[in-house]
N, C-alpha and C. Protein backbone atom coordinates (compact mmCIF):
# COMPACT_ATOMS: atom_id res chain seq x y z
N MET A 1 13.01 -11.05 23.82
CA MET A 1 13.18 -11.10 25.27
C MET A 1 12.77 -9.77 25.90
N TYR A 2 13.33 -8.69 25.39
CA TYR A 2 12.98 -7.37 25.92
C TYR A 2 12.15 -6.59 24.92
N MET A 3 11.24 -7.26 24.22
CA MET A 3 10.45 -6.60 23.19
C MET A 3 9.43 -5.63 23.77
N PHE A 4 9.21 -5.66 25.07
CA PHE A 4 8.29 -4.70 25.68
C PHE A 4 8.88 -3.30 25.73
N LEU A 5 10.20 -3.18 25.59
CA LEU A 5 10.87 -1.89 25.76
C LEU A 5 10.40 -0.82 24.77
N PRO A 6 10.29 -1.09 23.45
CA PRO A 6 9.79 -0.02 22.58
C PRO A 6 8.34 0.34 22.88
N PHE A 7 7.53 -0.64 23.31
CA PHE A 7 6.14 -0.33 23.67
C PHE A 7 6.11 0.55 24.92
N LEU A 8 6.99 0.28 25.86
CA LEU A 8 7.06 1.07 27.08
C LEU A 8 7.48 2.50 26.79
N THR A 9 8.53 2.67 25.97
CA THR A 9 8.99 4.02 25.65
C THR A 9 7.95 4.78 24.83
N ALA A 10 7.26 4.09 23.92
CA ALA A 10 6.20 4.75 23.14
C ALA A 10 5.05 5.17 24.05
N PHE A 11 4.70 4.34 25.02
CA PHE A 11 3.62 4.70 25.95
C PHE A 11 4.02 5.89 26.82
N ILE A 12 5.26 5.90 27.29
CA ILE A 12 5.73 7.03 28.09
C ILE A 12 5.70 8.31 27.26
N GLY A 13 6.13 8.21 25.98
CA GLY A 13 6.06 9.37 25.10
C GLY A 13 4.64 9.85 24.88
N LEU A 14 3.70 8.91 24.74
CA LEU A 14 2.30 9.27 24.59
C LEU A 14 1.77 9.99 25.83
N VAL A 15 2.13 9.51 27.00
CA VAL A 15 1.70 10.16 28.25
C VAL A 15 2.31 11.56 28.35
N LEU A 16 3.57 11.70 27.97
CA LEU A 16 4.21 13.02 28.02
C LEU A 16 3.52 14.00 27.08
N VAL A 17 3.18 13.55 25.87
CA VAL A 17 2.47 14.43 24.93
C VAL A 17 1.08 14.77 25.46
N TRP A 18 0.44 13.81 26.11
CA TRP A 18 -0.89 14.04 26.70
C TRP A 18 -0.82 15.17 27.73
N PHE A 19 0.29 15.20 28.50
CA PHE A 19 0.46 16.25 29.51
C PHE A 19 1.22 17.46 28.97
N GLU A 20 1.20 17.62 27.63
CA GLU A 20 1.75 18.78 26.94
C GLU A 20 3.25 18.97 27.14
N LYS A 21 3.97 17.88 27.21
CA LYS A 21 5.43 17.91 27.22
C LYS A 21 5.91 17.43 25.85
N ARG A 22 5.73 18.28 24.84
CA ARG A 22 5.94 17.89 23.46
C ARG A 22 7.39 17.52 23.17
N LEU A 23 8.34 18.29 23.67
CA LEU A 23 9.75 18.01 23.39
C LEU A 23 10.18 16.68 24.02
N ALA A 24 9.75 16.43 25.24
CA ALA A 24 10.07 15.16 25.89
C ALA A 24 9.42 13.99 25.14
N GLY A 25 8.22 14.20 24.60
CA GLY A 25 7.56 13.17 23.81
C GLY A 25 8.32 12.87 22.53
N LEU A 26 8.87 13.90 21.90
CA LEU A 26 9.69 13.68 20.70
C LEU A 26 10.98 12.95 21.03
N VAL A 27 11.56 13.23 22.18
CA VAL A 27 12.76 12.51 22.60
C VAL A 27 12.45 11.04 22.81
N MET A 28 11.31 10.75 23.44
CA MET A 28 10.92 9.35 23.65
C MET A 28 10.63 8.67 22.31
N LEU A 29 10.07 9.39 21.35
CA LEU A 29 9.86 8.84 20.02
C LEU A 29 11.19 8.49 19.37
N ALA A 30 12.18 9.36 19.50
CA ALA A 30 13.50 9.09 18.94
C ALA A 30 14.13 7.87 19.61
N ILE A 31 13.98 7.74 20.92
CA ILE A 31 14.51 6.58 21.63
C ILE A 31 13.82 5.31 21.15
N THR A 32 12.50 5.36 20.99
CA THR A 32 11.74 4.20 20.51
C THR A 32 12.21 3.78 19.12
N LEU A 33 12.36 4.74 18.23
CA LEU A 33 12.81 4.42 16.87
C LEU A 33 14.23 3.87 16.88
N GLY A 34 15.08 4.41 17.74
CA GLY A 34 16.45 3.89 17.85
C GLY A 34 16.48 2.45 18.32
N ILE A 35 15.66 2.13 19.31
CA ILE A 35 15.59 0.75 19.82
C ILE A 35 15.09 -0.18 18.72
N LEU A 36 14.04 0.22 18.00
CA LEU A 36 13.50 -0.63 16.94
C LEU A 36 14.49 -0.84 15.81
N MET A 37 15.22 0.21 15.41
CA MET A 37 16.22 0.07 14.35
C MET A 37 17.37 -0.83 14.80
N PHE A 38 17.81 -0.67 16.04
CA PHE A 38 18.89 -1.50 16.57
C PHE A 38 18.48 -2.97 16.60
N TRP A 39 17.28 -3.25 17.12
CA TRP A 39 16.83 -4.64 17.21
C TRP A 39 16.58 -5.24 15.84
N PHE A 40 16.07 -4.43 14.90
CA PHE A 40 15.88 -4.97 13.56
C PHE A 40 17.21 -5.34 12.94
N ARG A 41 18.22 -4.50 13.15
CA ARG A 41 19.54 -4.79 12.59
C ARG A 41 20.11 -6.08 13.19
N ILE A 42 19.98 -6.26 14.51
CA ILE A 42 20.48 -7.47 15.16
C ILE A 42 19.72 -8.70 14.68
N HIS A 43 18.39 -8.66 14.73
CA HIS A 43 17.60 -9.84 14.40
C HIS A 43 17.62 -10.14 12.91
N ALA A 44 17.67 -9.13 12.08
CA ALA A 44 17.68 -9.37 10.64
C ALA A 44 19.00 -9.99 10.19
N THR A 45 20.08 -9.65 10.84
CA THR A 45 21.36 -10.18 10.40
C THR A 45 21.71 -11.49 11.08
N ASP A 46 21.35 -11.68 12.35
CA ASP A 46 21.73 -12.87 13.08
C ASP A 46 20.70 -13.99 12.96
N HIS A 47 19.45 -13.71 13.30
CA HIS A 47 18.46 -14.77 13.41
C HIS A 47 17.82 -15.15 12.10
N LEU A 48 17.72 -14.22 11.16
CA LEU A 48 17.09 -14.52 9.88
C LEU A 48 18.11 -14.81 8.80
N ASN A 49 19.39 -14.60 9.09
CA ASN A 49 20.49 -14.82 8.14
C ASN A 49 20.30 -14.04 6.84
N ILE A 50 19.91 -12.78 6.99
CA ILE A 50 19.77 -11.88 5.84
C ILE A 50 20.99 -10.96 5.84
N SER A 51 21.63 -10.86 4.69
CA SER A 51 22.78 -9.97 4.59
C SER A 51 22.30 -8.57 4.23
N LEU A 52 22.49 -7.62 5.15
CA LEU A 52 22.08 -6.24 4.87
C LEU A 52 23.28 -5.44 4.45
């Protein structure tokens, strides 16, 4: 449903790095990875019925 969110945060991070805001780009990378890990945990345990 909200799968565009990690792509959006990754794109914002890319734009920040392009404009030489390296620390802000790393923060956006961390946010993107956090979103992906959270969603993988939810979807892997609920929708795929995999016990992690």
